[in-house]
Amino acid sequence: MTGARVKSFFIDYNIKRVMLDEFLANYFKDAGYSHVQLYKTPTGYRVAIYAEYPGRIIGRGGSVIRKLMTIMQTHFGLENVSITVSPAPDPDLNARVVAFRIVRALEKEIPYRRVAMAMLRRIMNAGALGAEIVISGKLRTERARYEKFRAGRIYKAGEAVEYMVDRAVAKALLRPGVYGVEVIIVKPGQRTPDSIELKPVKPEELSELKPAESGENQ
């Protein structure tokens, strides 16, 4: 396979993956959709879908999965596709899952402040280093505005964003109009750029430290 063909293959592959991800996110927010992984096999394609409620994507007797297979073959060009659906790992630390939770709560007309604070506590109790929730729209008046709820440390620039921060946006359709939801989660288990590590001091090093004589600084 030449370099041009390899480049074309990966461009086509990533376009399909992004389009598939957007399609699933739009249609399965009630299932707490998280993400999708697309694999090319010798016989076709394998699609791995992760969601908070896998049963809602599978459907009764696999009815929804069968429809998905038809859509993926006809609209996305995935030949001989096989689909697996699994629970999303660490849903409380998954920004997209949390964003869809907030959307579902807002569409049930639960007050946005109560929803945001409850989700913020849930994220932090799961071990997150920090979290931020932004809800925008006609929250109280006819004029659109936004409110921001945050806890812990938030990183929005620098190298830490690449490997520590998970971000997702979603929208809720309510009677006053469309509400926007943005969730940022700083995941645990990583060394932060501003963390400080104290070097242990050996006993022999302590003995070398001589106290200053009382008359030296007089």
Protein backbone atom coordinates (compact mmCIF):
# COMPACT_ATOMS: atom_id res chain seq x y z
CA MET A 1 0.00 0.00 0.00
CA THR A 2 1.50 3.31 -1.12
CA GLY A 3 1.81 6.36 1.09
CA ALA A 4 -1.06 8.14 -0.66
CA ARG A 5 -3.36 5.14 -0.23
CA VAL A 6 -2.41 4.80 3.45
CA LYS A 7 -3.15 8.49 4.01
CA SER A 8 -6.48 8.20 2.20
CA PHE A 9 -7.42 5.12 4.23
CA PHE A 10 -6.83 6.81 7.59
CA ILE A 11 -8.62 10.00 6.54
CA ASP A 12 -11.64 7.98 5.40
CA TYR A 13 -11.52 5.89 8.58
CA ASN A 14 -11.47 8.89 10.91
CA ILE A 15 -14.25 10.66 8.99
CA LYS A 16 -16.45 7.58 9.37
CA ARG A 17 -15.64 7.33 13.07
CA VAL A 18 -16.46 11.00 13.75
CA MET A 19 -19.70 10.85 11.76
CA LEU A 20 -20.71 7.66 13.55
CA ASP A 21 -19.91 9.21 16.94
CA GLU A 22 -22.06 12.27 16.21
CA PHE A 23 -24.93 10.10 14.98
CA LEU A 24 -24.90 7.92 18.09
CA ALA A 25 -24.58 10.92 20.41
CA ASN A 26 -27.65 12.55 18.84
CA TYR A 27 -29.88 9.48 18.98
CA PHE A 28 -28.81 7.80 22.22
CA LYS A 29 -28.49 10.57 24.79
CA ASP A 30 -31.23 8.84 26.82
CA ALA A 31 -28.98 5.77 26.99
CA GLY A 32 -26.11 7.83 28.39
CA TYR A 33 -23.99 7.34 25.27
CA SER A 34 -20.26 7.70 25.98
CA HIS A 35 -18.14 6.91 22.91
CA VAL A 36 -17.58 4.49 20.05
CA GLN A 37 -14.58 2.57 18.77
CA LEU A 38 -14.34 1.50 15.14
CA TYR A 39 -12.15 -1.43 14.06
CA LYS A 40 -11.36 -2.63 10.53
CA THR A 41 -11.23 -6.42 10.33
CA PRO A 42 -10.30 -8.70 7.41
CA THR A 43 -14.00 -9.45 6.85
CA GLY A 44 -15.55 -6.04 7.55
CA TYR A 45 -15.93 -3.67 10.49
CA ARG A 46 -16.45 -4.07 14.22
CA VAL A 47 -18.16 -1.30 16.17
CA ALA A 48 -17.85 -1.13 19.97
CA ILE A 49 -20.36 1.21 21.62
CA TYR A 50 -20.11 2.31 25.26
CA ALA A 51 -23.06 3.74 27.17
CA GLU A 52 -24.37 4.15 30.70
CA TYR A 53 -27.46 2.06 29.85
CA PRO A 54 -26.45 -0.52 27.20
CA GLY A 55 -29.88 -2.13 27.23
CA ARG A 56 -31.47 0.97 25.70
CA ILE A 57 -29.15 0.69 22.71
CA ILE A 58 -29.59 -3.06 22.33
CA GLY A 59 -33.38 -2.88 22.48
CA ARG A 60 -35.87 -5.61 23.22
CA GLY A 61 -34.65 -8.79 21.60
CA GLY A 62 -31.87 -6.84 19.84
CA SER A 63 -34.33 -4.84 17.73
CA VAL A 64 -32.39 -1.56 17.98
CA ILE A 65 -29.07 -3.27 17.19
CA ARG A 66 -30.51 -4.75 14.00
CA LYS A 67 -31.70 -1.31 12.89
CA LEU A 68 -28.28 0.13 13.70
CA MET A 69 -26.56 -2.52 11.57
CA THR A 70 -28.75 -1.59 8.60
CA ILE A 71 -28.07 2.14 9.07
CA MET A 72 -24.32 1.62 9.37
CA GLN A 73 -24.23 -0.44 6.21
CA THR A 74 -26.43 1.83 4.08
CA HIS A 75 -25.48 5.32 5.37
CA PHE A 76 -21.93 4.86 6.64
CA GLY A 77 -20.69 2.24 4.19
CA LEU A 78 -19.56 -0.25 6.84
CA GLU A 79 -19.68 -3.65 5.18
CA ASN A 80 -20.25 -6.81 7.26
CA VAL A 81 -20.52 -4.77 10.43
CA SER A 82 -20.75 -6.38 13.86
CA ILE A 83 -21.81 -4.34 16.91
CA THR A 84 -21.03 -4.80 20.60
CA VAL A 85 -22.49 -2.65 23.37
CA SER A 86 -20.78 -2.37 26.76
CA PRO A 87 -21.22 -0.29 29.92
CA ALA A 88 -19.22 2.94 29.94
CA PRO A 89 -16.24 2.71 32.29
CA ASP A 90 -16.32 5.20 35.20
CA PRO A 91 -19.55 6.96 34.11
CA ASP A 92 -19.26 9.55 36.90
CA LEU A 93 -15.91 10.63 35.43
CA ASN A 94 -17.12 10.65 31.82
CA ALA A 95 -17.95 14.19 30.71
CA ARG A 96 -20.34 13.14 27.95
CA VAL A 97 -22.29 10.76 30.20
CA VAL A 98 -22.61 13.48 32.86
CA ALA A 99 -23.68 16.06 30.24
CA PHE A 100 -26.45 13.77 29.02
CA ARG A 101 -27.56 13.18 32.63
CA ILE A 102 -27.91 16.93 33.07
CA VAL A 103 -29.84 17.22 29.80
CA ARG A 104 -32.29 14.51 30.83
CA ALA A 105 -32.81 16.16 34.22
CA LEU A 106 -33.38 19.60 32.67
CA GLU A 107 -35.89 18.19 30.19
CA LYS A 108 -37.79 16.80 33.20
CA GLU A 109 -37.98 20.43 34.43
CA ILE A 110 -35.75 19.88 37.46
CA PRO A 111 -34.22 23.25 38.50
CA TYR A 112 -30.86 23.71 36.84
CA ARG A 113 -29.07 24.79 40.03
CA ARG A 114 -30.13 21.65 41.86
CA VAL A 115 -29.07 19.50 38.89
CA ALA A 116 -25.68 21.17 38.53
CA MET A 117 -24.80 20.99 42.23
CA ALA A 118 -25.91 17.35 42.50
CA MET A 119 -23.82 16.35 39.48
CA LEU A 120 -20.84 18.34 40.74
CA ARG A 121 -20.92 16.51 44.08
CA ARG A 122 -21.25 13.17 42.29
CA ILE A 123 -18.23 13.89 40.09
CA MET A 124 -16.05 14.95 43.01
CA ASN A 125 -17.15 11.97 45.13
CA ALA A 126 -15.98 9.74 42.28
CA GLY A 127 -12.43 11.05 42.81
CA ALA A 128 -12.13 13.82 40.23
CA LEU A 129 -9.48 16.45 40.86
CA GLY A 130 -11.82 19.15 39.60
CA ALA A 131 -15.02 19.73 37.65
CA GLU A 132 -16.86 22.56 35.97
CA ILE A 133 -20.44 22.67 34.72
CA VAL A 134 -21.70 25.55 32.58
CA ILE A 135 -25.41 25.84 31.77
CA SER A 136 -26.48 28.56 29.33
CA GLY A 137 -29.81 29.72 27.95
CA LYS A 138 -32.88 31.61 29.15
CA LEU A 139 -32.35 30.52 32.72
CA ARG A 140 -34.45 33.13 34.54
CA THR A 141 -35.38 35.87 32.08
CA GLU A 142 -35.98 36.25 28.36
CA ARG A 143 -32.37 37.23 27.96
CA ALA A 144 -29.92 34.36 27.52
CA ARG A 145 -27.18 34.07 30.12
CA TYR A 146 -25.03 31.38 31.67
CA GLU A 147 -24.11 30.13 35.10
CA LYS A 148 -20.92 28.33 36.01
CA PHE A 149 -20.49 25.76 38.79
CA ARG A 150 -17.04 24.50 39.67
CA ALA A 151 -15.11 22.58 42.30
CA GLY A 152 -11.47 21.60 42.69
CA ARG A 153 -8.79 22.47 40.14
CA ILE A 154 -9.59 23.13 36.50
CA TYR A 155 -7.06 23.13 33.64
CA LYS A 156 -8.04 24.80 30.37
CA ALA A 157 -4.67 25.30 28.72
CA GLY A 158 -1.30 23.60 28.53
CA GLU A 159 -0.17 20.02 28.23
CA ALA A 160 -2.32 18.85 31.16
CA VAL A 161 -5.48 19.36 29.09
CA GLU A 162 -4.37 16.68 26.62
CA TYR A 163 -4.21 13.82 29.11
CA MET A 164 -6.15 14.91 32.21
CA VAL A 165 -9.22 16.80 31.06
CA ASP A 166 -12.41 15.31 29.62
CA ARG A 167 -14.82 17.80 28.07
CA ALA A 168 -18.26 17.42 26.51
CA VAL A 169 -21.12 19.63 25.35
CA ALA A 170 -24.80 18.81 24.95
CA LYS A 171 -28.06 20.65 24.43
CA ALA A 172 -31.49 20.38 26.03
CA LEU A 173 -34.70 21.47 24.34
CA LEU A 174 -36.98 23.15 26.88
CA ARG A 175 -40.04 25.40 26.71
CA PRO A 176 -38.01 28.65 27.06
CA GLY A 177 -35.68 27.49 24.28
CA VAL A 178 -32.46 25.53 23.87
CA TYR A 179 -30.14 25.18 26.86
CA GLY A 180 -26.45 24.48 26.37
CA VAL A 181 -24.54 22.25 28.79
CA GLU A 182 -20.76 22.05 29.04
CA VAL A 183 -18.99 19.64 31.39
CA ILE A 184 -15.26 19.62 32.15
CA ILE A 185 -13.79 16.91 34.38
CA VAL A 186 -10.19 16.71 35.55
CA LYS A 187 -9.61 12.99 35.99
CA PRO A 188 -7.68 11.47 38.91
CA GLY A 189 -4.63 9.25 38.79
CA GLN A 190 -2.37 11.69 36.94
CA ARG A 191 0.45 13.89 38.14
CA THR A 192 -0.64 17.51 37.89
CA PRO A 193 1.74 20.20 36.60
CA ASP A 194 1.42 22.20 39.83
CA SER A 195 1.87 19.29 42.21
CA ILE A 196 4.76 19.44 44.69
CA GLU A 197 6.69 16.38 45.80
CA LEU A 198 8.83 16.59 48.93
CA LYS A 199 12.13 14.78 48.69
CA PRO A 200 12.78 12.51 51.70
CA VAL A 201 15.82 13.44 53.73
CA LYS A 202 18.15 10.71 54.96
CA PRO A 203 19.37 10.69 58.61
CA GLU A 204 22.99 11.21 57.56
CA GLU A 205 21.95 14.30 55.61
CA LEU A 206 20.27 15.72 58.70
CA SER A 207 23.46 15.30 60.73
CA GLU A 208 25.34 17.44 58.21
CA LEU A 209 23.01 20.38 58.84
CA LYS A 210 24.70 22.40 61.58
CA PRO A 211 22.61 24.91 63.52
CA ALA A 212 23.77 28.50 63.32
CA GLU A 213 25.69 29.75 66.36
CA SER A 214 23.86 32.24 68.47
CA GLY A 215 26.45 34.97 68.01
CA GLU A 216 26.90 34.71 64.22
CA ASN A 217 24.05 36.94 63.21
CA GLN A 218 24.50 39.54 65.93
